C-alpha atoms as a PDB file:
ATOM      1  CA  MET A   1       0.000   0.000   0.000  1.00  0.00           C
ATOM      2  CA  ALA A   2       1.373   3.383  -1.029  1.00  0.00           C
ATOM      3  CA  ILE A   3       1.019   6.488   1.113  1.00  0.00           C
ATOM      4  CA  GLU A   4      -0.192   9.648  -0.644  1.00  0.00           C
ATOM      5  CA  VAL A   5       0.805  12.767   1.306  1.00  0.00           C
ATOM      6  CA  THR A   6      -1.268  15.872   0.624  1.00  0.00           C
ATOM      7  CA  SER A   7      -1.382  19.351   2.076  1.00  0.00           C
ATOM      8  CA  GLY A   8      -3.526  22.432   1.730  1.00  0.00           C
ATOM      9  CA  ALA A   9      -5.343  25.019   3.758  1.00  0.00           C
ATOM     10  CA  VAL A  10      -8.706  26.128   4.989  1.00  0.00           C
ATOM     11  CA  VAL A  11      -8.713  29.578   3.398  1.00  0.00           C
ATOM     12  CA  TYR A  12     -10.940  32.054   5.213  1.00  0.00           C
ATOM     13  CA  ARG A  13     -11.763  35.741   5.262  1.00  0.00           C
ATOM     14  CA  LYS A  14     -13.739  38.100   7.443  1.00  0.00           C
ATOM     15  CA  ASN A  15     -16.623  39.727   5.611  1.00  0.00           C
ATOM     16  CA  ASN A  16     -18.504  42.334   7.662  1.00  0.00           C
ATOM     17  CA  GLY A  17     -17.203  40.675  10.833  1.00  0.00           C
ATOM     18  CA  ARG A  18     -18.372  37.214   9.738  1.00  0.00           C
ATOM     19  CA  LEU A  19     -16.045  34.315   8.931  1.00  0.00           C
ATOM     20  CA  GLU A  20     -16.361  32.875   5.452  1.00  0.00           C
ATOM     21  CA  TYR A  21     -14.583  29.787   4.126  1.00  0.00           C
ATOM     22  CA  LEU A  22     -13.396  29.181   0.569  1.00  0.00           C
ATOM     23  CA  LEU A  23     -14.582  25.875  -0.882  1.00  0.00           C
ATOM     24  CA  LEU A  24     -13.657  24.446  -4.269  1.00  0.00           C
ATOM     25  CA  GLU A  25     -15.663  22.035  -6.410  1.00  0.00           C
ATOM     26  CA  SER A  26     -13.453  19.456  -8.089  1.00  0.00           C
ATOM     27  CA  GLN A  27     -13.649  18.631 -11.801  1.00  0.00           C
ATOM     28  CA  ASN A  28     -13.047  14.968 -10.873  1.00  0.00           C
ATOM     29  CA  LYS A  29     -15.911  12.523 -11.142  1.00  0.00           C
ATOM     30  CA  GLY A  30     -18.272  13.169  -8.263  1.00  0.00           C
ATOM     31  CA  HIS A  31     -17.550  16.904  -8.386  1.00  0.00           C
ATOM     32  CA  PHE A  32     -16.880  16.920  -4.655  1.00  0.00           C
ATOM     33  CA  TRP A  33     -16.557  20.111  -2.613  1.00  0.00           C
ATOM     34  CA  GLY A  34     -13.461  20.554  -0.479  1.00  0.00           C
ATOM     35  CA  PHE A  35     -10.514  22.789   0.347  1.00  0.00           C
ATOM     36  CA  PRO A  36      -7.525  23.802  -1.797  1.00  0.00           C
ATOM     37  CA  LYS A  37      -5.013  20.981  -1.440  1.00  0.00           C
ATOM     38  CA  GLY A  38      -2.838  18.588  -3.376  1.00  0.00           C
ATOM     39  CA  HIS A  39       0.061  16.163  -3.361  1.00  0.00           C
ATOM     40  CA  VAL A  40       3.458  17.018  -1.961  1.00  0.00           C
ATOM     41  CA  GLU A  41       5.986  17.242  -4.818  1.00  0.00           C
ATOM     42  CA  GLY A  42       9.674  16.425  -4.460  1.00  0.00           C
ATOM     43  CA  HIS A  43      11.201  17.768  -1.274  1.00  0.00           C
ATOM     44  CA  GLU A  44       8.481  20.356  -0.592  1.00  0.00           C
ATOM     45  CA  SER A  45       7.426  21.019   2.982  1.00  0.00           C
ATOM     46  CA  LEU A  46       3.747  20.714   3.850  1.00  0.00           C
ATOM     47  CA  LYS A  47       3.603  24.531   4.067  1.00  0.00           C
ATOM     48  CA  GLU A  48       5.181  24.931   0.616  1.00  0.00           C
ATOM     49  CA  THR A  49       2.720  22.421  -0.853  1.00  0.00           C
ATOM     50  CA  ALA A  50      -0.244  24.243   0.686  1.00  0.00           C
ATOM     51  CA  ALA A  51       0.884  27.623  -0.714  1.00  0.00           C
ATOM     52  CA  ARG A  52       1.597  26.147  -4.165  1.00  0.00           C
ATOM     53  CA  GLU A  53      -1.730  24.331  -4.367  1.00  0.00           C
ATOM     54  CA  ILE A  54      -3.724  27.418  -3.358  1.00  0.00           C
ATOM     55  CA  LYS A  55      -1.853  29.445  -5.997  1.00  0.00           C
ATOM     56  CA  GLU A  56      -2.334  26.778  -8.705  1.00  0.00           C
ATOM     57  CA  GLU A  57      -6.025  26.193  -8.003  1.00  0.00           C
ATOM     58  CA  THR A  58      -7.162  29.787  -7.307  1.00  0.00           C
ATOM     59  CA  GLN A  59      -4.302  32.168  -8.248  1.00  0.00           C
ATOM     60  CA  LEU A  60      -4.479  33.522  -4.666  1.00  0.00           C
ATOM     61  CA  THR A  61      -1.311  34.284  -2.732  1.00  0.00           C
ATOM     62  CA  VAL A  62      -2.234  33.724   0.899  1.00  0.00           C
ATOM     63  CA  PRO A  63       0.067  33.488   3.923  1.00  0.00           C
ATOM     64  CA  ILE A  64      -0.044  29.983   5.415  1.00  0.00           C
ATOM     65  CA  ASP A  65      -0.414  29.916   9.212  1.00  0.00           C
ATOM     66  CA  THR A  66       1.472  26.866  10.445  1.00  0.00           C
ATOM     67  CA  SER A  67       0.713  27.536  14.130  1.00  0.00           C
ATOM     68  CA  PHE A  68      -2.535  25.560  13.769  1.00  0.00           C
ATOM     69  CA  LYS A  69      -3.218  22.551  11.566  1.00  0.00           C
ATOM     70  CA  VAL A  70      -5.680  19.707  11.245  1.00  0.00           C
ATOM     71  CA  TYR A  71      -4.956  16.206  10.013  1.00  0.00           C
ATOM     72  CA  THR A  72      -6.796  13.176   8.714  1.00  0.00           C
ATOM     73  CA  GLU A  73      -5.906   9.984   6.934  1.00  0.00           C
ATOM     74  CA  TYR A  74      -8.050   7.486   5.101  1.00  0.00           C
ATOM     75  CA  ASP A  75      -7.964   4.608   2.625  1.00  0.00           C
ATOM     76  CA  LEU A  76      -8.551   5.292  -1.053  1.00  0.00           C
ATOM     77  CA  PRO A  77     -10.465   3.040  -3.467  1.00  0.00           C
ATOM     78  CA  ASN A  78      -7.162   2.198  -5.228  1.00  0.00           C
ATOM     79  CA  GLY A  79      -5.811   0.646  -2.015  1.00  0.00           C
ATOM     80  CA  ASN A  80      -3.522   3.555  -1.162  1.00  0.00           C
ATOM     81  CA  ARG A  81      -3.651   5.502   2.106  1.00  0.00           C
ATOM     82  CA  LYS A  82      -4.024   9.288   1.972  1.00  0.00           C
ATOM     83  CA  GLN A  83      -2.532  11.512   4.678  1.00  0.00           C
ATOM     84  CA  MET A  84      -3.881  15.073   4.562  1.00  0.00           C
ATOM     85  CA  THR A  85      -2.703  18.082   6.546  1.00  0.00           C
ATOM     86  CA  LEU A  86      -4.587  21.368   6.328  1.00  0.00           C
ATOM     87  CA  PHE A  87      -3.293  24.655   7.711  1.00  0.00           C
ATOM     88  CA  THR A  88      -5.257  27.889   7.936  1.00  0.00           C
ATOM     89  CA  ALA A  89      -4.806  30.848   5.598  1.00  0.00           C
ATOM     90  CA  ASP A  90      -6.390  34.269   6.188  1.00  0.00           C
ATOM     91  CA  LEU A  91      -7.175  36.141   2.962  1.00  0.00           C
ATOM     92  CA  THR A  92      -6.926  39.802   3.916  1.00  0.00           C
ATOM     93  CA  SER A  93      -6.561  41.207   0.376  1.00  0.00           C
ATOM     94  CA  GLN A  94      -9.276  41.687  -2.218  1.00  0.00           C
ATOM     95  CA  GLU A  95      -7.696  39.412  -4.826  1.00  0.00           C
ATOM     96  CA  ASP A  96      -9.867  37.889  -7.526  1.00  0.00           C
ATOM     97  CA  ILE A  97     -10.042  34.124  -7.778  1.00  0.00           C
ATOM     98  CA  HIS A  98      -9.066  32.557 -11.116  1.00  0.00           C
ATOM     99  CA  LEU A  99      -9.800  28.840 -11.087  1.00  0.00           C
ATOM    100  CA  GLN A 100      -7.517  26.167 -12.537  1.00  0.00           C
ATOM    101  CA  ALA A 101      -9.989  24.964 -15.176  1.00  0.00           C
ATOM    102  CA  ALA A 102      -8.440  21.509 -15.545  1.00  0.00           C
ATOM    103  CA  GLU A 103      -9.020  20.647 -11.868  1.00  0.00           C
ATOM    104  CA  ILE A 104     -11.556  23.063 -10.365  1.00  0.00           C
ATOM    105  CA  LYS A 105     -15.128  23.459 -11.610  1.00  0.00           C
ATOM    106  CA  ASN A 106     -16.468  26.071  -9.191  1.00  0.00           C
ATOM    107  CA  CYS A 107     -15.784  27.888  -5.945  1.00  0.00           C
ATOM    108  CA  GLY A 108     -17.588  29.912  -3.331  1.00  0.00           C
ATOM    109  CA  TRP A 109     -17.309  31.689  -0.007  1.00  0.00           C
ATOM    110  CA  PHE A 110     -19.550  30.190   2.675  1.00  0.00           C
ATOM    111  CA  GLY A 111     -20.369  30.907   6.295  1.00  0.00           C
ATOM    112  CA  TYR A 112     -19.598  28.057   8.696  1.00  0.00           C
ATOM    113  CA  GLN A 113     -22.962  26.248   8.556  1.00  0.00           C
ATOM    114  CA  ALA A 114     -23.315  26.618   4.777  1.00  0.00           C
ATOM    115  CA  ALA A 115     -19.717  25.438   4.281  1.00  0.00           C
ATOM    116  CA  ARG A 116     -20.333  22.433   6.506  1.00  0.00           C
ATOM    117  CA  GLN A 117     -23.413  21.499   4.467  1.00  0.00           C
ATOM    118  CA  ARG A 118     -21.609  22.018   1.143  1.00  0.00           C
ATOM    119  CA  LEU A 119     -18.554  19.882   1.980  1.00  0.00           C
ATOM    120  CA  THR A 120     -18.936  16.451   0.422  1.00  0.00           C
ATOM    121  CA  TYR A 121     -17.077  14.262   2.921  1.00  0.00           C
ATOM    122  CA  ASP A 122     -17.610  13.849   6.665  1.00  0.00           C
ATOM    123  CA  ASN A 123     -13.885  13.943   7.436  1.00  0.00           C
ATOM    124  CA  LEU A 124     -13.681  17.395   5.818  1.00  0.00           C
ATOM    125  CA  LYS A 125     -16.680  18.544   7.875  1.00  0.00           C
ATOM    126  CA  GLN A 126     -14.865  17.416  11.024  1.00  0.00           C
ATOM    127  CA  LEU A 127     -11.729  19.317   9.993  1.00  0.00           C
ATOM    128  CA  LEU A 128     -13.832  22.430   9.347  1.00  0.00           C
ATOM    129  CA  ASP A 129     -15.361  22.036  12.827  1.00  0.00           C
ATOM    130  CA  GLN A 130     -11.878  22.042  14.366  1.00  0.00           C
ATOM    131  CA  VAL A 131     -10.767  25.063  12.341  1.00  0.00           C
ATOM    132  CA  ASN A 132     -13.933  27.013  13.118  1.00  0.00           C
ATOM    133  CA  ASP A 133     -13.587  26.237  16.842  1.00  0.00           C
ATOM    134  CA  HIS A 134      -9.994  27.466  16.710  1.00  0.00           C
ATOM    135  CA  LEU A 135     -10.826  30.674  14.818  1.00  0.00           C
ATOM    136  CA  THR A 136     -13.797  31.563  17.024  1.00  0.00           C
ATOM    137  CA  ALA A 137     -12.184  30.650  20.372  1.00  0.00           C
ATOM    138  CA  ASP A 138     -11.450  34.245  21.337  1.00  0.00           C
END
């Protein structure tokens, strides 16, 4: 069994004092909704992978906050095991999103409850719960 190591980030912004989360809809079969992420390439760090994947998939340049991260792993249909680390990334600029057409079908900014409903997989919902708890703990 091969291990697939992926990294990305839960990108968020504050809009009129309300947290909103960026979700992407994959072009892959199933068109699942998730977070910007992808496979580690070469000798990249998890942080470098997260920044690269966000840039490739959305054209956003967002600082990656490595002081908080969430993690999950699960088995894939092909028999491999996926290990996924997500950091947080606060979008403070007003950059436009330009989607990577080959991989991303759609995107949107969602409040916590709407994001939780839109996410396709339960493990991603649980990661969002952890991130939201962290960001609203003040």
